[in-house]
Structures are given as C-alpha cells and as structure tokens.
Amino acid sequence: MRIGFIGLGIMGKPMAKNLLAAGHELVVSNHNPAAAEELAERGATLGTTPAEIAGQVDLVITMLPNSPQVREVALGAGGLIEGARPGLLYVDMSSIAPLASREIAAALAEHGVSMLDAPVSGGEPKAVDGTLAIMVGGDEAAFDQVREVLGAMGAAVVHVGELGAGNIAKLANQVVVALNIAAVSEALVLSQKAGVSPEAVFAAIRGGLAGSTVLEAKAPMMLDHNFKPGFRIDLHLKDLTNALDTSHEVGAPLPLTAAVLEMLTGLKAHGHEKEDHSGLVQHYEQLANTRLQKG
C-alpha cells in the first residue's frame, strides 16, 4: 500500500521504518528534515504539505503530539482536507482527546475521507521492534482495510469500538500506567528509607502479584536513575489532562489520576518534563529526602 506518514518523532520514525521493512511504499513529511532524510535513504519519498502527501497516497497515518497539531495537519491551511479525494483512509495514531477525534473525523467525512483513531502504547522500545499495542476506534470496514498495515507496527491490534473509542482506551491505558509508576516509586522509596535494598525488593516481588510490565520496564530505570525518555513526562501530562477532561465530561471522577497529574506537574516545574515518566520516582525521593541506591 502507498502510505503517507506525518510525524517522524521519537515514536513515528521507528514506526515508519517498520512499514518500509514490511514492503509498503511511504511518502513522509519533511517537517523533521533529519528523520525524513534517514527514511529517504531506506526508500521513502519525501513530501511537503499534508495536502500534497494526501493527493498521492491511499492511506495517511499521523503520529503527532496532541489535538491542536492533529487538527492543523488534518484541517488547517495545506492540510489533508485540501488534498484529499473520496476513498482516502486516514489513521491518526496520536494520543488526543476523543472529542477532537470525532470533530476532525466529521469534517473529513464531508470530503469522503474515512478516519480511524488508533493510539498506541509501548513507548519507543516497542515502536522500534514493532510490538506496540494499538487501540482502534472507527468504522469496522475501514479497520479491516488497514489491519495488516497496523500489524506491521504492533503485536496487538484491537478494534475497540466507534470512532473515539481508540483514544478512550488509550486514556484508560495511561491512567493504569501512571498509577503503576507511582506505586512502583512509592514501594522502592519505602524500601530505601527502611534500610532494605530496593534492588533486592524488586527482585523479590517481580514474580508475584505485584509483577507487571510497568514494574519490569521502569524499576530498573529508577534504580539506575536513567531517565532517558522512552515516554516523556510532558506527554504523560498531556494524556492525563485529556483523561481528566474526559472524566469530567462523562462524570467519572479520577482522584488517583489527579494526584499523579499534580506530581508530574511539580516535576515539570523543576525542569524534568523531557525526562522519562519513570522519573516520577524523583518526586518520592524528594518527599522522603532519600535517593535510590543499587546493591
């Protein structure tokens, strides 16, 4: 399939590489010149505006920071809507507000474009190895047309429901991940403060009910104080803000999510927003006046 790919950041670039490796033809945005050139060396064609890209492909995929960027690429000046033709498929793999997805989809539908929202989970490592979890909302027939394409980027591709359902699932995912990171942080800092090796505690609990993907991925980073971003604090802040906004719209209070949001906001105020969200442990270290030590 000939695919346009817009958004070659920390997640988008490896996702695009996996599409090329799977044999798809790619037209990529040149907004990030270094990433675009890297993909061009692997066989991608360089495009300019979203409208220009939309005019020469069967499917457009976007992987962008938040709702305003998706809206601009889809509906703004030089956006997809200006180059779209009836029958074009659009899959937004960004994590944005569900209401924004529905508004953008409605505008594109007037031009004969079918849209799916398909946010992902797994961070950079799973984007690189093509094992992302992909949560899809939208028309099931459109989903069937792109299922194989999505499978080149993810190990689990699940159609959740109508348009917007993908982003609802992603918000639920981000709530679970945030609260798990907070719990791991609390547990390891408790261990350190009580005089027990947090590294040994991690080894002791990982095989029991407390074991989780979050524990396996984030505890070692916390112990090493290695906060090189696989998923940045500022992006998790965005997701939790969208989760709380949605919770207020539907009347589902999220008190624990709100608490973690405030912790992450505090870290952002201290300049940590570009670090990995495992850096949340620093909030607990500061509260307890301690620092995790290995050994």
Protein backbone atom coordinates (compact mmCIF):
# COMPACT_ATOMS: atom_id res chain seq x y z
CA MET A 1 0.00 0.00 0.00
CA ARG A 2 1.16 3.56 -0.70
CA ILE A 3 1.10 5.37 2.63
CA GLY A 4 1.68 8.94 3.70
CA PHE A 5 3.31 9.25 7.13
CA ILE A 6 3.33 12.54 9.03
CA GLY A 7 5.07 12.88 12.39
CA LEU A 8 8.58 11.41 12.50
CA GLY A 9 9.36 11.91 16.17
CA ILE A 10 10.58 9.51 18.83
CA MET A 11 7.69 7.13 18.06
CA GLY A 12 6.81 7.96 14.47
CA LYS A 13 10.23 7.41 12.93
CA PRO A 14 10.64 3.78 14.03
CA MET A 15 7.00 3.08 13.18
CA ALA A 16 7.61 4.39 9.65
CA LYS A 17 10.77 2.26 9.38
CA ASN A 18 8.73 -0.83 10.21
CA LEU A 19 6.24 -0.01 7.46
CA LEU A 20 9.09 0.26 4.96
CA ALA A 21 10.52 -3.02 6.20
CA ALA A 22 7.12 -4.63 5.63
CA GLY A 23 7.25 -3.60 1.97
CA HIS A 24 4.94 -0.60 1.95
CA GLU A 25 5.67 2.50 -0.14
CA LEU A 26 5.98 5.59 2.05
CA VAL A 27 5.68 9.29 1.38
CA VAL A 28 6.93 11.03 4.52
CA SER A 29 6.64 14.60 5.71
CA ASN A 30 9.84 16.67 5.51
CA HIS A 31 8.88 18.68 8.62
CA ASN A 32 11.64 16.84 10.52
CA PRO A 33 14.42 17.01 7.88
CA ALA A 34 16.93 14.71 9.59
CA ALA A 35 14.37 11.95 10.19
CA ALA A 36 12.91 12.38 6.69
CA GLU A 37 16.34 12.02 5.08
CA GLU A 38 17.03 8.90 7.14
CA LEU A 39 13.82 7.35 5.87
CA ALA A 40 14.54 8.51 2.32
CA GLU A 41 17.78 6.53 2.49
CA ARG A 42 15.61 3.47 3.18
CA GLY A 43 13.39 4.11 0.17
CA ALA A 44 10.76 6.61 1.32
CA THR A 45 9.68 9.52 -0.87
CA LEU A 46 9.78 12.99 0.65
CA GLY A 47 6.58 15.03 0.70
CA THR A 48 5.88 18.64 1.62
CA THR A 49 2.46 19.69 2.89
CA PRO A 50 -0.15 17.26 4.22
CA ALA A 51 -2.34 18.21 1.25
CA GLU A 52 0.41 17.29 -1.20
CA ILE A 53 1.02 13.99 0.57
CA ALA A 54 -2.70 13.15 0.72
CA GLY A 55 -3.01 13.64 -3.03
CA GLN A 56 -0.64 10.80 -3.87
CA VAL A 57 -1.42 8.03 -1.37
CA ASP A 58 -4.18 5.59 -0.40
CA LEU A 59 -3.69 5.94 3.35
CA VAL A 60 -2.37 8.71 5.57
CA ILE A 61 -1.01 8.00 9.06
CA THR A 62 -0.23 10.71 11.59
CA MET A 63 1.75 10.42 14.82
CA LEU A 64 1.64 13.87 16.41
CA PRO A 65 1.91 15.39 19.92
CA ASN A 66 -1.68 16.44 20.67
CA SER A 67 -5.09 17.54 19.41
CA PRO A 68 -4.07 21.00 18.06
CA GLN A 69 -1.34 19.51 15.85
CA VAL A 70 -3.65 16.80 14.52
CA ARG A 71 -6.35 19.36 13.79
CA GLU A 72 -3.87 21.60 11.95
CA VAL A 73 -2.47 18.76 9.84
CA ALA A 74 -5.93 17.43 9.00
CA LEU A 75 -7.98 20.59 8.61
CA GLY A 76 -5.62 23.59 8.54
CA ALA A 77 -4.14 25.50 5.62
CA GLY A 78 -2.37 22.99 3.39
CA GLY A 79 -3.95 20.21 5.43
CA LEU A 80 -5.13 16.76 4.42
CA ILE A 81 -8.61 18.06 3.72
CA GLU A 82 -7.28 20.18 0.85
CA GLY A 83 -5.60 17.28 -0.94
CA ALA A 84 -7.99 14.51 -0.02
CA ARG A 85 -10.05 12.62 -2.53
CA PRO A 86 -13.05 10.39 -1.81
CA GLY A 87 -11.91 6.98 -0.61
CA LEU A 88 -8.78 8.19 1.17
CA LEU A 89 -8.23 6.48 4.52
CA TYR A 90 -6.80 8.44 7.46
CA VAL A 91 -5.46 6.78 10.60
CA ASP A 92 -4.45 9.09 13.42
CA MET A 93 -2.14 7.21 15.77
CA SER A 94 -1.59 10.20 18.05
CA SER A 95 -2.97 10.24 21.58
CA ILE A 96 -5.53 13.05 21.62
CA ALA A 97 -8.86 13.98 23.15
CA PRO A 98 -11.66 11.67 21.91
CA LEU A 99 -13.95 14.63 21.20
CA ALA A 100 -11.27 16.18 18.97
CA SER A 101 -11.01 12.92 17.01
CA ARG A 102 -14.75 12.91 16.42
CA GLU A 103 -14.81 16.55 15.29
CA ILE A 104 -11.93 16.03 12.85
CA ALA A 105 -13.50 12.84 11.50
CA ALA A 106 -16.82 14.59 10.88
CA ALA A 107 -15.12 17.35 8.87
CA LEU A 108 -13.14 14.85 6.79
CA ALA A 109 -16.19 12.68 6.17
CA GLU A 110 -17.76 15.56 4.25
CA HIS A 111 -14.91 15.11 1.74
CA GLY A 112 -15.27 11.34 1.52
CA VAL A 113 -12.38 10.54 3.87
CA SER A 114 -12.76 7.73 6.42
CA MET A 115 -10.87 8.25 9.69
CA LEU A 116 -9.79 5.86 12.42
CA ASP A 117 -8.27 6.84 15.76
CA ALA A 118 -5.56 4.32 16.63
CA PRO A 119 -3.33 5.45 19.51
CA VAL A 120 -0.54 3.19 20.68
CA SER A 121 1.09 2.01 23.88
CA GLY A 122 4.56 0.64 24.46
CA GLY A 123 6.89 3.61 24.13
CA GLU A 124 9.97 3.86 21.95
CA PRO A 125 11.28 0.31 22.57
CA LYS A 126 8.10 -1.31 21.25
CA ALA A 127 7.87 1.21 18.42
CA VAL A 128 11.36 0.13 17.37
CA ASP A 129 10.69 -3.61 17.47
CA GLY A 130 7.16 -3.35 16.06
CA THR A 131 5.34 -4.75 19.08
CA LEU A 132 3.15 -1.81 20.03
CA ALA A 133 -0.36 -2.25 21.42
CA ILE A 134 -2.68 -0.43 19.01
CA MET A 135 -6.21 0.55 20.09
CA VAL A 136 -8.51 1.39 17.20
CA GLY A 137 -11.79 3.24 17.01
CA GLY A 138 -13.93 3.80 13.92
CA ASP A 139 -15.75 2.01 11.12
CA GLU A 140 -15.02 -1.71 11.19
CA ALA A 141 -14.83 -1.98 7.41
CA ALA A 142 -12.18 0.74 7.33
CA PHE A 143 -10.34 -1.06 10.13
CA ASP A 144 -10.32 -4.28 8.09
CA GLN A 145 -8.65 -2.39 5.22
CA VAL A 146 -5.73 -1.25 7.38
CA ARG A 147 -5.43 -4.13 9.86
CA GLU A 148 -2.42 -5.61 8.05
CA VAL A 149 -0.70 -2.22 7.86
CA LEU A 150 -1.17 -1.67 11.58
CA GLY A 151 0.13 -5.17 12.21
CA ALA A 152 3.49 -4.13 10.79
CA MET A 153 3.84 -1.74 13.73
CA GLY A 154 2.10 -3.61 16.54
CA ALA A 155 1.84 -7.02 18.15
CA ALA A 156 -1.70 -6.38 19.40
CA VAL A 157 -4.14 -4.54 17.13
CA VAL A 158 -7.62 -4.34 18.66
CA HIS A 159 -10.75 -2.70 17.27
CA VAL A 160 -12.35 -1.18 20.39
CA GLY A 161 -15.50 0.43 19.01
CA GLU A 162 -16.76 3.53 17.23
CA LEU A 163 -14.56 6.50 16.42
CA GLY A 164 -13.06 7.95 19.59
CA ALA A 165 -13.03 4.56 21.32
CA GLY A 166 -9.36 4.11 20.50
CA ASN A 167 -8.46 7.25 22.40
CA ILE A 168 -10.74 6.31 25.29
CA ALA A 169 -8.83 3.02 25.54
CA LYS A 170 -5.53 4.90 25.39
CA LEU A 171 -6.61 7.23 28.19
CA ALA A 172 -7.52 4.19 30.29
CA ASN A 173 -4.11 2.73 29.49
CA GLN A 174 -2.34 5.91 30.54
CA VAL A 175 -4.25 6.03 33.83
CA VAL A 176 -3.15 2.47 34.63
CA VAL A 177 0.46 3.15 33.61
CA ALA A 178 0.68 6.41 35.61
CA LEU A 179 -0.71 4.85 38.76
CA ASN A 180 1.58 1.84 38.37
CA ILE A 181 4.63 4.07 38.04
CA ALA A 182 3.56 5.97 41.15
CA ALA A 183 3.08 2.70 43.06
CA VAL A 184 6.49 1.37 42.00
CA SER A 185 8.06 4.67 43.03
CA GLU A 186 6.39 4.57 46.45
CA ALA A 187 7.40 0.95 47.04
CA LEU A 188 11.05 1.40 46.10
CA VAL A 189 11.45 4.61 48.07
CA LEU A 190 9.81 2.94 51.08
CA SER A 191 12.33 0.12 50.81
CA GLN A 192 15.27 2.51 50.58
CA LYS A 193 14.11 4.59 53.52
CA ALA A 194 13.55 1.47 55.62
CA GLY A 195 17.09 0.30 55.00
CA VAL A 196 16.32 -2.55 52.63
CA SER A 197 17.86 -2.71 49.17
CA PRO A 198 15.24 -1.55 46.63
CA GLU A 199 17.03 -3.66 44.03
CA ALA A 200 16.51 -6.76 46.20
CA VAL A 201 12.88 -5.82 46.80
CA PHE A 202 12.36 -5.52 43.05
CA ALA A 203 13.84 -8.99 42.57
CA ALA A 204 11.66 -10.39 45.35
CA ILE A 205 8.31 -9.04 44.18
CA ARG A 206 8.57 -9.18 40.40
CA GLY A 207 7.44 -12.81 40.22
CA GLY A 208 4.37 -12.32 42.40
CA LEU A 209 1.08 -10.49 42.06
CA ALA A 210 2.91 -7.14 42.11
CA GLY A 211 4.73 -8.10 38.94
CA SER A 212 3.77 -6.08 35.87
CA THR A 213 5.09 -4.78 32.57
CA VAL A 214 5.45 -1.38 34.20
CA LEU A 215 7.50 -2.82 37.07
CA GLU A 216 9.78 -4.68 34.66
CA ALA A 217 10.32 -1.68 32.40
CA LYS A 218 10.53 1.16 34.91
CA ALA A 219 12.05 -0.20 38.14
CA PRO A 220 15.49 -0.73 36.52
CA MET A 221 15.40 2.81 35.14
CA MET A 222 14.55 4.17 38.58
CA LEU A 223 17.35 2.17 40.21
CA ASP A 224 19.85 3.45 37.63
CA HIS A 225 18.45 6.99 37.64
CA ASN A 226 18.34 6.60 33.88
CA PHE A 227 15.53 8.85 32.73
CA LYS A 228 16.36 8.90 29.02
CA PRO A 229 12.88 9.22 27.55
CA GLY A 230 11.02 6.29 26.15
CA PHE A 231 7.88 8.26 27.01
CA ARG A 232 8.34 11.80 28.28
CA ILE A 233 6.77 13.33 31.37
CA ASP A 234 5.28 16.19 29.35
CA LEU A 235 3.49 13.70 27.07
CA HIS A 236 2.08 11.77 30.02
CA LEU A 237 0.95 15.08 31.48
CA LYS A 238 -0.92 15.74 28.24
CA ASP A 239 -2.57 12.32 28.35
CA LEU A 240 -3.64 12.61 31.99
CA THR A 241 -5.03 16.09 31.34
CA ASN A 242 -7.09 14.64 28.48
CA ALA A 243 -8.19 11.79 30.77
CA LEU A 244 -9.38 14.22 33.44
CA ASP A 245 -11.11 16.44 30.90
CA THR A 246 -12.93 13.39 29.53
CA SER A 247 -13.76 12.15 33.03
CA HIS A 248 -15.37 15.49 33.82
CA GLU A 249 -17.41 15.33 30.60
CA VAL A 250 -18.80 11.87 31.39
CA GLY A 251 -18.96 12.12 35.20
CA ALA A 252 -16.33 9.54 36.15
CA PRO A 253 -14.10 11.01 38.91
CA LEU A 254 -10.42 10.03 38.75
CA PRO A 255 -8.96 11.07 42.12
CA LEU A 256 -5.79 8.96 41.90
CA THR A 257 -5.10 10.18 38.37
CA ALA A 258 -5.50 13.77 39.54
CA ALA A 259 -2.93 13.17 42.29
CA VAL A 260 -0.34 11.77 39.87
CA LEU A 261 -1.02 14.64 37.47
CA GLU A 262 -0.07 17.09 40.21
CA MET A 263 3.14 15.13 40.94
CA LEU A 264 4.14 15.25 37.28
CA THR A 265 3.27 18.95 37.15
CA GLY A 266 5.65 19.52 40.04
CA LEU A 267 8.44 17.70 38.21
CA LYS A 268 7.78 19.80 35.11
CA ALA A 269 8.09 22.95 37.23
CA HIS A 270 11.57 21.74 38.21
CA GLY A 271 12.65 21.18 34.61
CA HIS A 272 12.13 17.42 34.32
CA GLU A 273 9.42 17.46 31.66
CA LYS A 274 11.61 15.97 28.90
CA GLU A 275 12.66 13.02 31.06
CA ASP A 276 11.07 9.57 31.01
CA HIS A 277 7.95 9.22 33.14
CA SER A 278 9.85 6.78 35.35
CA GLY A 279 11.41 9.99 36.67
CA LEU A 280 8.30 10.28 38.83
CA VAL A 281 10.38 8.47 41.45
CA GLN A 282 12.26 11.74 41.98
CA HIS A 283 9.11 13.24 43.47
CA TYR A 284 9.06 10.50 46.11
CA GLU A 285 12.80 10.74 46.72
CA GLN A 286 12.39 14.42 47.44
CA LEU A 287 9.48 13.80 49.81
CA ALA A 288 11.44 11.16 51.72
CA ASN A 289 14.79 13.02 51.49
CA THR A 290 16.50 9.95 50.08
CA ARG A 291 17.84 8.53 46.81
CA LEU A 292 17.51 5.01 45.49
CA GLN A 293 20.74 3.02 45.63
CA LYS A 294 21.57 -0.25 43.89
CA GLY A 295 23.13 -3.12 45.80
